[in-house]
Structure formats: structure tokens, C-alpha cells
């Protein structure tokens, strides 16, 4: 999701969909849109990672029996 946002933003700049004459305010607005995406991804990543660790521990316990 984050990669898609970055590619879309870079493409929009290159094609000219986003005017560059607005300068820093435009960059702040773009960062305000992209930052929450990375925060959400980071949270889901850690939740999934912890779930996988628990599942692997349980599978290892079952295999030892």
C-alpha cells in the first residue's frame, strides 16, 4: 500500500498532475497523506508478525509431542 502511494505520487509529479509551484505546502500535504498509510501498515505488520510467532510456537509444541 505504501509503495503504491509513493509510485503514484512520483508518477503524478513526473506527468505534471501535481503543480510544483506550490512548494513546501504541497510537500507537507503529501506527507500528511502518506504518513498515516505507513503507520497503519506498520501496526498491521507487527500484529501479523506476532501472530505468526505464536502459531509457529504452537506448531513446534505439537510437533514435539
N, C-alpha and C. Protein backbone atom coordinates (compact mmCIF):
# COMPACT_ATOMS: atom_id res chain seq x y z
N UNK A 1 0.83 -1.18 0.00
CA UNK A 1 0.00 0.00 0.00
C UNK A 1 0.87 1.25 0.00
N UNK A 2 1.88 1.26 0.83
CA UNK A 2 2.77 2.42 0.89
C UNK A 2 3.56 2.60 -0.39
N UNK A 3 4.00 1.47 -0.96
CA UNK A 3 4.76 1.53 -2.21
C UNK A 3 3.89 2.10 -3.32
N UNK A 4 2.65 1.68 -3.37
CA UNK A 4 1.73 2.19 -4.38
C UNK A 4 1.51 3.69 -4.26
N UNK A 5 1.40 4.16 -3.03
CA UNK A 5 1.22 5.61 -2.80
C UNK A 5 2.44 6.39 -3.29
N UNK A 6 3.61 5.87 -3.01
CA UNK A 6 4.84 6.55 -3.43
C UNK A 6 4.96 6.56 -4.95
N UNK A 7 4.71 5.42 -5.58
CA UNK A 7 4.81 5.34 -7.04
C UNK A 7 3.79 6.27 -7.69
N UNK A 8 2.57 6.29 -7.17
CA UNK A 8 1.53 7.16 -7.72
C UNK A 8 1.91 8.63 -7.56
N UNK A 9 2.47 9.00 -6.41
CA UNK A 9 2.85 10.39 -6.17
C UNK A 9 4.00 10.80 -7.09
N UNK A 10 5.01 9.95 -7.22
CA UNK A 10 6.14 10.27 -8.10
C UNK A 10 5.67 10.38 -9.54
N UNK A 11 4.82 9.44 -9.96
CA UNK A 11 4.28 9.49 -11.33
C UNK A 11 3.48 10.77 -11.55
N UNK A 12 2.68 11.15 -10.57
CA UNK A 12 1.89 12.38 -10.70
C UNK A 12 2.79 13.61 -10.84
N UNK A 13 3.90 13.63 -10.12
CA UNK A 13 4.85 14.73 -10.27
C UNK A 13 5.46 14.74 -11.67
N UNK A 14 5.88 13.56 -12.13
CA UNK A 14 6.55 13.47 -13.42
C UNK A 14 5.63 13.82 -14.58
N UNK A 15 4.38 13.43 -14.48
CA UNK A 15 3.41 13.68 -15.55
C UNK A 15 2.90 15.12 -15.51
N UNK A 16 2.98 15.74 -14.36
CA UNK A 16 2.54 17.12 -14.23
C UNK A 16 1.15 17.29 -13.63
N UNK A 17 0.61 16.22 -13.06
CA UNK A 17 -0.70 16.29 -12.43
C UNK A 17 -0.67 17.16 -11.17
N UNK A 18 0.49 17.19 -10.51
CA UNK A 18 0.64 17.98 -9.29
C UNK A 18 1.54 19.16 -9.62
N UNK A 19 1.02 20.37 -9.52
CA UNK A 19 1.84 21.55 -9.84
C UNK A 19 2.92 21.75 -8.79
N UNK A 20 4.12 22.05 -9.24
CA UNK A 20 5.25 22.21 -8.33
C UNK A 20 5.40 23.63 -7.80
N UNK A 21 4.65 24.58 -8.31
CA UNK A 21 4.82 25.96 -7.89
C UNK A 21 4.27 26.24 -6.48
N UNK A 22 3.59 25.26 -5.87
CA UNK A 22 3.09 25.45 -4.51
C UNK A 22 4.15 25.16 -3.46
N UNK A 23 5.21 24.49 -3.84
CA UNK A 23 6.37 24.28 -3.00
C UNK A 23 6.15 23.47 -1.74
N UNK A 24 6.66 24.01 -0.60
CA UNK A 24 6.69 23.24 0.65
C UNK A 24 5.30 22.87 1.17
N UNK A 25 4.32 23.70 0.96
CA UNK A 25 2.97 23.38 1.45
C UNK A 25 2.43 22.12 0.78
N UNK A 26 2.72 21.97 -0.49
CA UNK A 26 2.28 20.79 -1.20
C UNK A 26 2.98 19.55 -0.68
N UNK A 27 4.27 19.66 -0.42
CA UNK A 27 5.02 18.51 0.10
C UNK A 27 4.51 18.11 1.49
N UNK A 28 4.18 19.09 2.30
CA UNK A 28 3.63 18.80 3.64
C UNK A 28 2.29 18.08 3.50
N UNK A 29 1.46 18.52 2.57
CA UNK A 29 0.16 17.88 2.37
C UNK A 29 0.33 16.44 1.91
N UNK A 30 1.28 16.20 1.01
CA UNK A 30 1.52 14.83 0.53
C UNK A 30 2.04 13.95 1.66
N UNK A 31 2.95 14.47 2.46
CA UNK A 31 3.46 13.69 3.60
C UNK A 31 2.37 13.40 4.61
N UNK A 32 1.44 14.33 4.78
CA UNK A 32 0.31 14.10 5.70
C UNK A 32 -0.58 12.98 5.19
N UNK A 33 -0.61 12.75 3.91
CA UNK A 33 -1.42 11.66 3.36
C UNK A 33 -0.67 10.33 3.41
N UNK A 34 0.63 10.36 3.17
CA UNK A 34 1.40 9.13 3.11
C UNK A 34 1.77 8.61 4.50
N UNK A 35 2.03 9.49 5.45
CA UNK A 35 2.46 9.08 6.79
C UNK A 35 1.45 8.15 7.48
N UNK A 36 0.16 8.47 7.48
CA UNK A 36 -0.78 7.54 8.13
C UNK A 36 -0.82 6.16 7.48
N UNK A 37 -0.60 6.11 6.18
CA UNK A 37 -0.58 4.82 5.49
C UNK A 37 0.54 3.95 6.05
N UNK A 38 1.72 4.55 6.22
CA UNK A 38 2.84 3.78 6.77
C UNK A 38 2.61 3.40 8.22
N UNK A 39 1.96 4.26 8.99
CA UNK A 39 1.66 3.92 10.39
C UNK A 39 0.71 2.73 10.44
N UNK A 40 -0.33 2.76 9.62
CA UNK A 40 -1.30 1.66 9.60
C UNK A 40 -0.60 0.37 9.16
N UNK A 41 0.22 0.46 8.12
CA UNK A 41 0.95 -0.72 7.64
C UNK A 41 1.85 -1.26 8.74
N UNK A 42 2.56 -0.38 9.44
CA UNK A 42 3.48 -0.79 10.49
C UNK A 42 2.74 -1.52 11.61
N UNK A 43 1.58 -1.02 11.99
CA UNK A 43 0.78 -1.67 13.05
C UNK A 43 0.33 -3.06 12.59
N UNK A 44 -0.22 -3.15 11.39
CA UNK A 44 -0.67 -4.44 10.89
C UNK A 44 0.50 -5.41 10.73
N UNK A 45 1.64 -4.91 10.31
CA UNK A 45 2.83 -5.75 10.16
C UNK A 45 3.21 -6.37 11.50
N UNK A 46 3.25 -5.58 12.55
CA UNK A 46 3.65 -6.10 13.86
C UNK A 46 2.60 -7.04 14.44
N UNK A 47 1.34 -6.75 14.24
CA UNK A 47 0.29 -7.65 14.73
C UNK A 47 0.40 -9.00 14.01
N UNK A 48 0.58 -8.96 12.70
CA UNK A 48 0.70 -10.20 11.93
C UNK A 48 1.96 -10.96 12.31
N UNK A 49 3.04 -10.24 12.51
CA UNK A 49 4.31 -10.88 12.88
C UNK A 49 4.18 -11.59 14.22
N UNK A 50 3.53 -10.96 15.19
CA UNK A 50 3.33 -11.60 16.49
C UNK A 50 2.42 -12.81 16.38
N UNK A 51 1.39 -12.73 15.54
CA UNK A 51 0.50 -13.88 15.34
C UNK A 51 1.25 -15.05 14.73
N UNK A 52 2.11 -14.77 13.77
CA UNK A 52 2.89 -15.83 13.13
C UNK A 52 3.84 -16.47 14.14
N UNK A 53 4.45 -15.67 15.00
CA UNK A 53 5.34 -16.22 16.03
C UNK A 53 4.58 -17.16 16.95
N UNK A 54 3.38 -16.76 17.36
CA UNK A 54 2.58 -17.60 18.23
C UNK A 54 2.18 -18.89 17.53
N UNK A 55 1.78 -18.79 16.27
CA UNK A 55 1.41 -20.00 15.53
C UNK A 55 2.60 -20.94 15.37
N UNK A 56 3.76 -20.39 15.08
CA UNK A 56 4.95 -21.23 14.93
C UNK A 56 5.32 -21.91 16.25
N UNK A 57 5.19 -21.20 17.35
CA UNK A 57 5.46 -21.81 18.65
C UNK A 57 4.50 -22.96 18.91
N UNK A 58 3.24 -22.75 18.59
CA UNK A 58 2.24 -23.79 18.81
C UNK A 58 2.50 -25.01 17.92
N UNK A 59 2.87 -24.77 16.67
CA UNK A 59 3.19 -25.88 15.76
C UNK A 59 4.41 -26.63 16.27
N UNK A 60 5.40 -25.93 16.76
CA UNK A 60 6.59 -26.60 17.30
C UNK A 60 6.23 -27.44 18.53
N UNK A 61 5.33 -26.93 19.37
CA UNK A 61 4.90 -27.69 20.54
C UNK A 61 4.18 -28.98 20.11
N UNK A 62 3.31 -28.84 19.10
CA UNK A 62 2.57 -30.01 18.62
C UNK A 62 3.51 -31.03 18.00
N UNK A 63 4.51 -30.56 17.26
CA UNK A 63 5.46 -31.48 16.61
C UNK A 63 6.34 -32.21 17.61
N UNK A 64 6.56 -31.62 18.78
CA UNK A 64 7.38 -32.28 19.80
C UNK A 64 6.65 -33.43 20.47
N UNK A 65 5.33 -33.39 20.42
CA UNK A 65 4.54 -34.45 21.06
C UNK A 65 4.57 -35.70 20.30
